[in-house]
Amino acid sequence: REVGGDIVQKGDDQIIVTPTGVTVGRE
């Protein structure tokens, strides 16, 4: 939130955190 990035959880075992201006596609 602070950097304007993104965060998603992939399954039960992984988290992907991105910086400013980078989003993770949900499809």
mmCIF file of all heavy atoms, coordinates in Angstrom:
data_MODEL
# 
_entry.id   MODEL 
# 
loop_
_atom_site.group_PDB 
_atom_site.id 
_atom_site.type_symbol 
_atom_site.label_atom_id 
_atom_site.label_alt_id 
_atom_site.label_comp_id 
_atom_site.label_asym_id 
_atom_site.label_entity_id 
_atom_site.label_seq_id 
_atom_site.pdbx_PDB_ins_code 
_atom_site.Cartn_x 
_atom_site.Cartn_y 
_atom_site.Cartn_z 
_atom_site.occupancy 
_atom_site.B_iso_or_equiv 
_atom_site.pdbx_formal_charge 
_atom_site.auth_seq_id 
_atom_site.auth_comp_id 
_atom_site.auth_asym_id 
_atom_site.auth_atom_id 
_atom_site.pdbx_PDB_model_num 
ATOM 1   N N   . ARG A 1 1  ? 0.831  -1.208  0.000   1.00 0.00 ? 1  ARG A N   1 
ATOM 2   C CA  . ARG A 1 1  ? 0.000  0.000   0.000   1.00 0.00 ? 1  ARG A CA  1 
ATOM 3   C C   . ARG A 1 1  ? 0.867  1.261   0.000   1.00 0.00 ? 1  ARG A C   1 
ATOM 4   O O   . ARG A 1 1  ? 0.615  2.198   -0.752  1.00 0.00 ? 1  ARG A O   1 
ATOM 5   C CB  . ARG A 1 1  ? -0.891 0.013   1.246   1.00 0.00 ? 1  ARG A CB  1 
ATOM 6   C CG  . ARG A 1 1  ? -2.359 -0.026  0.928   1.00 0.00 ? 1  ARG A CG  1 
ATOM 7   C CD  . ARG A 1 1  ? -3.227 0.063   2.174   1.00 0.00 ? 1  ARG A CD  1 
ATOM 8   N NE  . ARG A 1 1  ? -3.708 -1.276  2.491   1.00 0.00 ? 1  ARG A NE  1 
ATOM 9   C CZ  . ARG A 1 1  ? -3.457 -1.946  3.605   1.00 0.00 ? 1  ARG A CZ  1 
ATOM 10  N NH1 . ARG A 1 1  ? -2.738 -1.403  4.558   1.00 0.00 ? 1  ARG A NH1 1 
ATOM 11  N NH2 . ARG A 1 1  ? -3.926 -3.156  3.791   1.00 0.00 ? 1  ARG A NH2 1 
ATOM 12  N N   . GLU A 1 2  ? 1.891  1.276   0.855   1.00 0.00 ? 2  GLU A N   1 
ATOM 13  C CA  . GLU A 1 2  ? 2.753  2.454   0.987   1.00 0.00 ? 2  GLU A CA  1 
ATOM 14  C C   . GLU A 1 2  ? 3.477  2.802   -0.306  1.00 0.00 ? 2  GLU A C   1 
ATOM 15  O O   . GLU A 1 2  ? 3.646  3.977   -0.626  1.00 0.00 ? 2  GLU A O   1 
ATOM 16  C CB  . GLU A 1 2  ? 3.785  2.239   2.095   1.00 0.00 ? 2  GLU A CB  1 
ATOM 17  C CG  . GLU A 1 2  ? 3.213  2.303   3.490   1.00 0.00 ? 2  GLU A CG  1 
ATOM 18  C CD  . GLU A 1 2  ? 4.238  1.963   4.566   1.00 0.00 ? 2  GLU A CD  1 
ATOM 19  O OE1 . GLU A 1 2  ? 5.427  1.766   4.240   1.00 0.00 ? 2  GLU A OE1 1 
ATOM 20  O OE2 . GLU A 1 2  ? 3.848  1.898   5.740   1.00 0.00 ? 2  GLU A OE2 1 
ATOM 21  N N   . VAL A 1 3  ? 3.921  1.779   -1.039  1.00 0.00 ? 3  VAL A N   1 
ATOM 22  C CA  . VAL A 1 3  ? 4.678  2.052   -2.257  1.00 0.00 ? 3  VAL A CA  1 
ATOM 23  C C   . VAL A 1 3  ? 3.791  2.109   -3.498  1.00 0.00 ? 3  VAL A C   1 
ATOM 24  O O   . VAL A 1 3  ? 4.271  2.403   -4.585  1.00 0.00 ? 3  VAL A O   1 
ATOM 25  C CB  . VAL A 1 3  ? 5.809  1.010   -2.477  1.00 0.00 ? 3  VAL A CB  1 
ATOM 26  C CG1 . VAL A 1 3  ? 6.782  1.026   -1.321  1.00 0.00 ? 3  VAL A CG1 1 
ATOM 27  C CG2 . VAL A 1 3  ? 5.258  -0.377  -2.737  1.00 0.00 ? 3  VAL A CG2 1 
ATOM 28  N N   . GLY A 1 4  ? 2.509  1.801   -3.359  1.00 0.00 ? 4  GLY A N   1 
ATOM 29  C CA  . GLY A 1 4  ? 1.618  1.787   -4.522  1.00 0.00 ? 4  GLY A CA  1 
ATOM 30  C C   . GLY A 1 4  ? 1.838  0.572   -5.379  1.00 0.00 ? 4  GLY A C   1 
ATOM 31  O O   . GLY A 1 4  ? 1.641  0.601   -6.587  1.00 0.00 ? 4  GLY A O   1 
ATOM 32  N N   . GLY A 1 5  ? 2.235  -0.520  -4.743  1.00 0.00 ? 5  GLY A N   1 
ATOM 33  C CA  . GLY A 1 5  ? 2.474  -1.777  -5.457  1.00 0.00 ? 5  GLY A CA  1 
ATOM 34  C C   . GLY A 1 5  ? 1.286  -2.712  -5.344  1.00 0.00 ? 5  GLY A C   1 
ATOM 35  O O   . GLY A 1 5  ? 0.147  -2.274  -5.281  1.00 0.00 ? 5  GLY A O   1 
ATOM 36  N N   . ASP A 1 6  ? 1.566  -3.994  -5.272  1.00 0.00 ? 6  ASP A N   1 
ATOM 37  C CA  . ASP A 1 6  ? 0.515  -5.007  -5.255  1.00 0.00 ? 6  ASP A CA  1 
ATOM 38  C C   . ASP A 1 6  ? 0.988  -6.184  -4.405  1.00 0.00 ? 6  ASP A C   1 
ATOM 39  O O   . ASP A 1 6  ? 2.191  -6.386  -4.220  1.00 0.00 ? 6  ASP A O   1 
ATOM 40  C CB  . ASP A 1 6  ? 0.239  -5.472  -6.691  1.00 0.00 ? 6  ASP A CB  1 
ATOM 41  C CG  . ASP A 1 6  ? -1.093 -6.184  -6.854  1.00 0.00 ? 6  ASP A CG  1 
ATOM 42  O OD1 . ASP A 1 6  ? -1.875 -6.272  -5.880  1.00 0.00 ? 6  ASP A OD1 1 
ATOM 43  O OD2 . ASP A 1 6  ? -1.356 -6.676  -7.968  1.00 0.00 ? 6  ASP A OD2 1 
ATOM 44  N N   . ILE A 1 7  ? 0.043  -6.965  -3.916  1.00 0.00 ? 7  ILE A N   1 
ATOM 45  C CA  . ILE A 1 7  ? 0.367  -8.181  -3.184  1.00 0.00 ? 7  ILE A CA  1 
ATOM 46  C C   . ILE A 1 7  ? -0.720 -9.211  -3.471  1.00 0.00 ? 7  ILE A C   1 
ATOM 47  O O   . ILE A 1 7  ? -1.908 -8.863  -3.489  1.00 0.00 ? 7  ILE A O   1 
ATOM 48  C CB  . ILE A 1 7  ? 0.500  -7.923  -1.660  1.00 0.00 ? 7  ILE A CB  1 
ATOM 49  C CG1 . ILE A 1 7  ? 0.893  -9.218  -0.926  1.00 0.00 ? 7  ILE A CG1 1 
ATOM 50  C CG2 . ILE A 1 7  ? -0.761 -7.318  -1.096  1.00 0.00 ? 7  ILE A CG2 1 
ATOM 51  C CD1 . ILE A 1 7  ? 1.287  -9.004  0.523   1.00 0.00 ? 7  ILE A CD1 1 
ATOM 52  N N   . VAL A 1 8  ? -0.298 -10.422 -3.769  1.00 0.00 ? 8  VAL A N   1 
ATOM 53  C CA  . VAL A 1 8  ? -1.238 -11.518 -3.988  1.00 0.00 ? 8  VAL A CA  1 
ATOM 54  C C   . VAL A 1 8  ? -0.692 -12.779 -3.322  1.00 0.00 ? 8  VAL A C   1 
ATOM 55  O O   . VAL A 1 8  ? 0.515  -12.926 -3.148  1.00 0.00 ? 8  VAL A O   1 
ATOM 56  C CB  . VAL A 1 8  ? -1.489 -11.814 -5.487  1.00 0.00 ? 8  VAL A CB  1 
ATOM 57  C CG1 . VAL A 1 8  ? -2.160 -10.648 -6.175  1.00 0.00 ? 8  VAL A CG1 1 
ATOM 58  C CG2 . VAL A 1 8  ? -0.223 -12.203 -6.201  1.00 0.00 ? 8  VAL A CG2 1 
ATOM 59  N N   . GLN A 1 9  ? -1.615 -13.658 -2.982  1.00 0.00 ? 9  GLN A N   1 
ATOM 60  C CA  . GLN A 1 9  ? -1.206 -14.952 -2.457  1.00 0.00 ? 9  GLN A CA  1 
ATOM 61  C C   . GLN A 1 9  ? -1.493 -15.977 -3.532  1.00 0.00 ? 9  GLN A C   1 
ATOM 62  O O   . GLN A 1 9  ? -2.599 -16.059 -4.055  1.00 0.00 ? 9  GLN A O   1 
ATOM 63  C CB  . GLN A 1 9  ? -1.962 -15.292 -1.172  1.00 0.00 ? 9  GLN A CB  1 
ATOM 64  C CG  . GLN A 1 9  ? -1.510 -16.599 -0.572  1.00 0.00 ? 9  GLN A CG  1 
ATOM 65  C CD  . GLN A 1 9  ? -2.047 -16.826 0.833   1.00 0.00 ? 9  GLN A CD  1 
ATOM 66  O OE1 . GLN A 1 9  ? -2.571 -15.914 1.466   1.00 0.00 ? 9  GLN A OE1 1 
ATOM 67  N NE2 . GLN A 1 9  ? -1.898 -18.039 1.312   1.00 0.00 ? 9  GLN A NE2 1 
ATOM 68  N N   . LYS A 1 10 ? -0.482 -16.767 -3.870  1.00 0.00 ? 10 LYS A N   1 
ATOM 69  C CA  . LYS A 1 10 ? -0.611 -17.817 -4.875  1.00 0.00 ? 10 LYS A CA  1 
ATOM 70  C C   . LYS A 1 10 ? -0.733 -19.143 -4.132  1.00 0.00 ? 10 LYS A C   1 
ATOM 71  O O   . LYS A 1 10 ? 0.225  -19.626 -3.547  1.00 0.00 ? 10 LYS A O   1 
ATOM 72  C CB  . LYS A 1 10 ? 0.604  -17.841 -5.791  1.00 0.00 ? 10 LYS A CB  1 
ATOM 73  C CG  . LYS A 1 10 ? 0.532  -18.887 -6.865  1.00 0.00 ? 10 LYS A CG  1 
ATOM 74  C CD  . LYS A 1 10 ? 1.889  -19.035 -7.516  1.00 0.00 ? 10 LYS A CD  1 
ATOM 75  C CE  . LYS A 1 10 ? 2.004  -20.314 -8.281  1.00 0.00 ? 10 LYS A CE  1 
ATOM 76  N NZ  . LYS A 1 10 ? 1.998  -21.509 -7.459  1.00 0.00 ? 10 LYS A NZ  1 
ATOM 77  N N   . GLY A 1 11 ? -1.931 -19.690 -4.137  1.00 0.00 ? 11 GLY A N   1 
ATOM 78  C CA  . GLY A 1 11 ? -2.155 -20.932 -3.415  1.00 0.00 ? 11 GLY A CA  1 
ATOM 79  C C   . GLY A 1 11 ? -1.955 -20.732 -1.924  1.00 0.00 ? 11 GLY A C   1 
ATOM 80  O O   . GLY A 1 11 ? -2.122 -19.642 -1.390  1.00 0.00 ? 11 GLY A O   1 
ATOM 81  N N   . ASP A 1 12 ? -1.583 -21.798 -1.255  1.00 0.00 ? 12 ASP A N   1 
ATOM 82  C CA  . ASP A 1 12 ? -1.355 -21.734 0.180   1.00 0.00 ? 12 ASP A CA  1 
ATOM 83  C C   . ASP A 1 12 ? 0.098  -21.481 0.529   1.00 0.00 ? 12 ASP A C   1 
ATOM 84  O O   . ASP A 1 12 ? 0.430  -21.366 1.707   1.00 0.00 ? 12 ASP A O   1 
ATOM 85  C CB  . ASP A 1 12 ? -1.768 -23.055 0.842   1.00 0.00 ? 12 ASP A CB  1 
ATOM 86  C CG  . ASP A 1 12 ? -3.264 -23.268 0.819   1.00 0.00 ? 12 ASP A CG  1 
ATOM 87  O OD1 . ASP A 1 12 ? -4.000 -22.267 0.779   1.00 0.00 ? 12 ASP A OD1 1 
ATOM 88  O OD2 . ASP A 1 12 ? -3.686 -24.438 0.836   1.00 0.00 ? 12 ASP A OD2 1 
ATOM 89  N N   . ASP A 1 13 ? 0.952  -21.434 -0.495  1.00 0.00 ? 13 ASP A N   1 
ATOM 90  C CA  . ASP A 1 13 ? 2.371  -21.447 -0.166  1.00 0.00 ? 13 ASP A CA  1 
ATOM 91  C C   . ASP A 1 13 ? 3.199  -20.280 -0.662  1.00 0.00 ? 13 ASP A C   1 
ATOM 92  O O   . ASP A 1 13 ? 4.373  -20.198 -0.342  1.00 0.00 ? 13 ASP A O   1 
ATOM 93  C CB  . ASP A 1 13 ? 2.999  -22.747 -0.650  1.00 0.00 ? 13 ASP A CB  1 
ATOM 94  C CG  . ASP A 1 13 ? 2.878  -22.942 -2.152  1.00 0.00 ? 13 ASP A CG  1 
ATOM 95  O OD1 . ASP A 1 13 ? 2.106  -22.215 -2.792  1.00 0.00 ? 13 ASP A OD1 1 
ATOM 96  O OD2 . ASP A 1 13 ? 3.559  -23.828 -2.677  1.00 0.00 ? 13 ASP A OD2 1 
ATOM 97  N N   . GLN A 1 14 ? 2.632  -19.336 -1.401  1.00 0.00 ? 14 GLN A N   1 
ATOM 98  C CA  . GLN A 1 14 ? 3.455  -18.237 -1.905  1.00 0.00 ? 14 GLN A CA  1 
ATOM 99  C C   . GLN A 1 14 ? 2.746  -16.899 -1.866  1.00 0.00 ? 14 GLN A C   1 
ATOM 100 O O   . GLN A 1 14 ? 1.538  -16.807 -2.047  1.00 0.00 ? 14 GLN A O   1 
ATOM 101 C CB  . GLN A 1 14 ? 3.894  -18.513 -3.342  1.00 0.00 ? 14 GLN A CB  1 
ATOM 102 C CG  . GLN A 1 14 ? 4.855  -19.662 -3.424  1.00 0.00 ? 14 GLN A CG  1 
ATOM 103 C CD  . GLN A 1 14 ? 5.352  -19.880 -4.835  1.00 0.00 ? 14 GLN A CD  1 
ATOM 104 O OE1 . GLN A 1 14 ? 4.687  -19.531 -5.790  1.00 0.00 ? 14 GLN A OE1 1 
ATOM 105 N NE2 . GLN A 1 14 ? 6.528  -20.460 -4.945  1.00 0.00 ? 14 GLN A NE2 1 
ATOM 106 N N   . ILE A 1 15 ? 3.566  -15.866 -1.643  1.00 0.00 ? 15 ILE A N   1 
ATOM 107 C CA  . ILE A 1 15 ? 3.113  -14.479 -1.664  1.00 0.00 ? 15 ILE A CA  1 
ATOM 108 C C   . ILE A 1 15 ? 3.981  -13.756 -2.696  1.00 0.00 ? 15 ILE A C   1 
ATOM 109 O O   . ILE A 1 15 ? 5.193  -13.960 -2.748  1.00 0.00 ? 15 ILE A O   1 
ATOM 110 C CB  . ILE A 1 15 ? 3.326  -13.802 -0.285  1.00 0.00 ? 15 ILE A CB  1 
ATOM 111 C CG1 . ILE A 1 15 ? 2.520  -14.498 0.793   1.00 0.00 ? 15 ILE A CG1 1 
ATOM 112 C CG2 . ILE A 1 15 ? 3.004  -12.319 -0.334  1.00 0.00 ? 15 ILE A CG2 1 
ATOM 113 C CD1 . ILE A 1 15 ? 1.039  -14.317 0.683   1.00 0.00 ? 15 ILE A CD1 1 
ATOM 114 N N   . ILE A 1 16 ? 3.346  -12.930 -3.512  1.00 0.00 ? 16 ILE A N   1 
ATOM 115 C CA  . ILE A 1 16 ? 4.085  -12.104 -4.468  1.00 0.00 ? 16 ILE A CA  1 
ATOM 116 C C   . ILE A 1 16 ? 3.827  -10.651 -4.087  1.00 0.00 ? 16 ILE A C   1 
ATOM 117 O O   . ILE A 1 16 ? 2.675  -10.230 -3.987  1.00 0.00 ? 16 ILE A O   1 
ATOM 118 C CB  . ILE A 1 16 ? 3.636  -12.376 -5.920  1.00 0.00 ? 16 ILE A CB  1 
ATOM 119 C CG1 . ILE A 1 16 ? 3.831  -13.851 -6.262  1.00 0.00 ? 16 ILE A CG1 1 
ATOM 120 C CG2 . ILE A 1 16 ? 4.391  -11.462 -6.895  1.00 0.00 ? 16 ILE A CG2 1 
ATOM 121 C CD1 . ILE A 1 16 ? 3.209  -14.266 -7.574  1.00 0.00 ? 16 ILE A CD1 1 
ATOM 122 N N   . VAL A 1 17 ? 4.908  -9.898  -3.846  1.00 0.00 ? 17 VAL A N   1 
ATOM 123 C CA  . VAL A 1 17 ? 4.806  -8.490  -3.467  1.00 0.00 ? 17 VAL A CA  1 
ATOM 124 C C   . VAL A 1 17 ? 5.547  -7.683  -4.519  1.00 0.00 ? 17 VAL A C   1 
ATOM 125 O O   . VAL A 1 17 ? 6.691  -7.996  -4.850  1.00 0.00 ? 17 VAL A O   1 
ATOM 126 C CB  . VAL A 1 17 ? 5.432  -8.227  -2.072  1.00 0.00 ? 17 VAL A CB  1 
ATOM 127 C CG1 . VAL A 1 17 ? 5.134  -6.800  -1.633  1.00 0.00 ? 17 VAL A CG1 1 
ATOM 128 C CG2 . VAL A 1 17 ? 4.940  -9.224  -1.040  1.00 0.00 ? 17 VAL A CG2 1 
ATOM 129 N N   . THR A 1 18 ? 4.868  -6.646  -5.035  1.00 0.00 ? 18 THR A N   1 
ATOM 130 C CA  . THR A 1 18 ? 5.465  -5.851  -6.104  1.00 0.00 ? 18 THR A CA  1 
ATOM 131 C C   . THR A 1 18 ? 5.618  -4.391  -5.677  1.00 0.00 ? 18 THR A C   1 
ATOM 132 O O   . THR A 1 18 ? 4.890  -3.912  -4.812  1.00 0.00 ? 18 THR A O   1 
ATOM 133 C CB  . THR A 1 18 ? 4.611  -5.912  -7.383  1.00 0.00 ? 18 THR A CB  1 
ATOM 134 O OG1 . THR A 1 18 ? 3.360  -5.254  -7.151  1.00 0.00 ? 18 THR A OG1 1 
ATOM 135 C CG2 . THR A 1 18 ? 4.370  -7.338  -7.822  1.00 0.00 ? 18 THR A CG2 1 
ATOM 136 N N   . PRO A 1 19 ? 6.533  -3.672  -6.321  1.00 0.00 ? 19 PRO A N   1 
ATOM 137 C CA  . PRO A 1 19 ? 6.759  -2.256  -5.998  1.00 0.00 ? 19 PRO A CA  1 
ATOM 138 C C   . PRO A 1 19 ? 5.827  -1.332  -6.777  1.00 0.00 ? 19 PRO A C   1 
ATOM 139 O O   . PRO A 1 19 ? 4.925  -1.783  -7.490  1.00 0.00 ? 19 PRO A O   1 
ATOM 140 C CB  . PRO A 1 19 ? 8.210  -2.059  -6.439  1.00 0.00 ? 19 PRO A CB  1 
ATOM 141 C CG  . PRO A 1 19 ? 8.334  -2.957  -7.622  1.00 0.00 ? 19 PRO A CG  1 
ATOM 142 C CD  . PRO A 1 19 ? 7.506  -4.171  -7.272  1.00 0.00 ? 19 PRO A CD  1 
ATOM 143 N N   . THR A 1 20 ? 6.101  -0.063  -6.671  1.00 0.00 ? 20 THR A N   1 
ATOM 144 C CA  . THR A 1 20 ? 5.345  0.990   -7.344  1.00 0.00 ? 20 THR A CA  1 
ATOM 145 C C   . THR A 1 20 ? 5.155  0.688   -8.825  1.00 0.00 ? 20 THR A C   1 
ATOM 146 O O   . THR A 1 20 ? 6.105  0.341   -9.527  1.00 0.00 ? 20 THR A O   1 
ATOM 147 C CB  . THR A 1 20 ? 6.104  2.332   -7.219  1.00 0.00 ? 20 THR A CB  1 
ATOM 148 O OG1 . THR A 1 20 ? 6.372  2.570   -5.854  1.00 0.00 ? 20 THR A OG1 1 
ATOM 149 C CG2 . THR A 1 20 ? 5.313  3.476   -7.814  1.00 0.00 ? 20 THR A CG2 1 
ATOM 150 N N   . GLY A 1 21 ? 3.915  0.815   -9.285  1.00 0.00 ? 21 GLY A N   1 
ATOM 151 C CA  . GLY A 1 21 ? 3.628  0.696   -10.705 1.00 0.00 ? 21 GLY A CA  1 
ATOM 152 C C   . GLY A 1 21 ? 3.607  -0.718  -11.253 1.00 0.00 ? 21 GLY A C   1 
ATOM 153 O O   . GLY A 1 21 ? 3.460  -0.893  -12.463 1.00 0.00 ? 21 GLY A O   1 
ATOM 154 N N   . VAL A 1 22 ? 3.730  -1.731  -10.410 1.00 0.00 ? 22 VAL A N   1 
ATOM 155 C CA  . VAL A 1 22 ? 3.711  -3.123  -10.893 1.00 0.00 ? 22 VAL A CA  1 
ATOM 156 C C   . VAL A 1 22 ? 2.533  -3.825  -10.247 1.00 0.00 ? 22 VAL A C   1 
ATOM 157 O O   . VAL A 1 22 ? 2.380  -3.810  -9.028  1.00 0.00 ? 22 VAL A O   1 
ATOM 158 C CB  . VAL A 1 22 ? 5.015  -3.874  -10.536 1.00 0.00 ? 22 VAL A CB  1 
ATOM 159 C CG1 . VAL A 1 22 ? 4.945  -5.307  -11.011 1.00 0.00 ? 22 VAL A CG1 1 
ATOM 160 C CG2 . VAL A 1 22 ? 6.218  -3.166  -11.123 1.00 0.00 ? 22 VAL A CG2 1 
ATOM 161 N N   . THR A 1 23 ? 1.673  -4.408  -11.071 1.00 0.00 ? 23 THR A N   1 
ATOM 162 C CA  . THR A 1 23 ? 0.560  -5.187  -10.544 1.00 0.00 ? 23 THR A CA  1 
ATOM 163 C C   . THR A 1 23 ? 0.682  -6.628  -11.000 1.00 0.00 ? 23 THR A C   1 
ATOM 164 O O   . THR A 1 23 ? 1.353  -6.910  -11.992 1.00 0.00 ? 23 THR A O   1 
ATOM 165 C CB  . THR A 1 23 ? -0.801 -4.637  -11.018 1.00 0.00 ? 23 THR A CB  1 
ATOM 166 O OG1 . THR A 1 23 ? -0.842 -4.677  -12.443 1.00 0.00 ? 23 THR A OG1 1 
ATOM 167 C CG2 . THR A 1 23 ? -1.034 -3.220  -10.546 1.00 0.00 ? 23 THR A CG2 1 
ATOM 168 N N   . VAL A 1 24 ? 0.036  -7.510  -10.278 1.00 0.00 ? 24 VAL A N   1 
ATOM 169 C CA  . VAL A 1 24 ? 0.037  -8.930  -10.617 1.00 0.00 ? 24 VAL A CA  1 
ATOM 170 C C   . VAL A 1 24 ? -1.330 -9.231  -11.230 1.00 0.00 ? 24 VAL A C   1 
ATOM 171 O O   . VAL A 1 24 ? -2.373 -8.939  -10.615 1.00 0.00 ? 24 VAL A O   1 
ATOM 172 C CB  . VAL A 1 24 ? 0.254  -9.810  -9.369  1.00 0.00 ? 24 VAL A CB  1 
ATOM 173 C CG1 . VAL A 1 24 ? 0.201  -11.276 -9.744  1.00 0.00 ? 24 VAL A CG1 1 
ATOM 174 C CG2 . VAL A 1 24 ? 1.587  -9.471  -8.721  1.00 0.00 ? 24 VAL A CG2 1 
ATOM 175 N N   . GLY A 1 25 ? -1.332 -9.794  -12.443 1.00 0.00 ? 25 GLY A N   1 
ATOM 176 C CA  . GLY A 1 25 ? -2.583 -10.162 -13.093 1.00 0.00 ? 25 GLY A CA  1 
ATOM 177 C C   . GLY A 1 25 ? -3.302 -11.232 -12.293 1.00 0.00 ? 25 GLY A C   1 
ATOM 178 O O   . GLY A 1 25 ? -2.686 -12.159 -11.773 1.00 0.00 ? 25 GLY A O   1 
ATOM 179 N N   . ARG A 1 26 ? -4.605 -11.124 -12.200 1.00 0.00 ? 26 ARG A N   1 
ATOM 180 C CA  . ARG A 1 26 ? -5.385 -12.070 -11.417 1.00 0.00 ? 26 ARG A CA  1 
ATOM 181 C C   . ARG A 1 26 ? -5.913 -13.232 -12.253 1.00 0.00 ? 26 ARG A C   1 
ATOM 182 O O   . ARG A 1 26 ? -6.531 -14.139 -11.735 1.00 0.00 ? 26 ARG A O   1 
ATOM 183 C CB  . ARG A 1 26 ? -6.567 -11.395 -10.747 1.00 0.00 ? 26 ARG A CB  1 
ATOM 184 C CG  . ARG A 1 26 ? -6.304 -10.290 -9.688  1.00 0.00 ? 26 ARG A CG  1 
ATOM 185 C CD  . ARG A 1 26 ? -5.067 -10.470 -8.896  1.00 0.00 ? 26 ARG A CD  1 
ATOM 186 N NE  . ARG A 1 26 ? -5.046 -9.713  -7.662  1.00 0.00 ? 26 ARG A NE  1 
ATOM 187 C CZ  . ARG A 1 26 ? -4.207 -8.735  -7.395  1.00 0.00 ? 26 ARG A CZ  1 
ATOM 188 N NH1 . ARG A 1 26 ? -3.326 -8.344  -8.293  1.00 0.00 ? 26 ARG A NH1 1 
ATOM 189 N NH2 . ARG A 1 26 ? -4.215 -8.143  -6.220  1.00 0.00 ? 26 ARG A NH2 1 
ATOM 190 N N   . GLU A 1 27 ? -5.644 -13.200 -13.551 1.00 0.00 ? 27 GLU A N   1 
ATOM 191 C CA  . GLU A 1 27 ? -6.091 -14.279 -14.424 1.00 0.00 ? 27 GLU A CA  1 
ATOM 192 C C   . GLU A 1 27 ? -4.885 -14.975 -15.046 1.00 0.00 ? 27 GLU A C   1 
ATOM 193 O O   . GLU A 1 27 ? -3.901 -14.327 -15.389 1.00 0.00 ? 27 GLU A O   1 
ATOM 194 C CB  . GLU A 1 27 ? -6.986 -13.729 -15.541 1.00 0.00 ? 27 GLU A CB  1 
ATOM 195 C CG  . GLU A 1 27 ? -8.285 -13.145 -15.016 1.00 0.00 ? 27 GLU A CG  1 
ATOM 196 C CD  . GLU A 1 27 ? -9.157 -12.614 -16.142 1.00 0.00 ? 27 GLU A CD  1 
ATOM 197 O OE1 . GLU A 1 27 ? -8.993 -13.077 -17.297 1.00 0.00 ? 27 GLU A OE1 1 
ATOM 198 O OE2 . GLU A 1 27 ? -9.978 -11.730 -15.862 1.00 0.00 ? 27 GLU A OE2 1 
# 
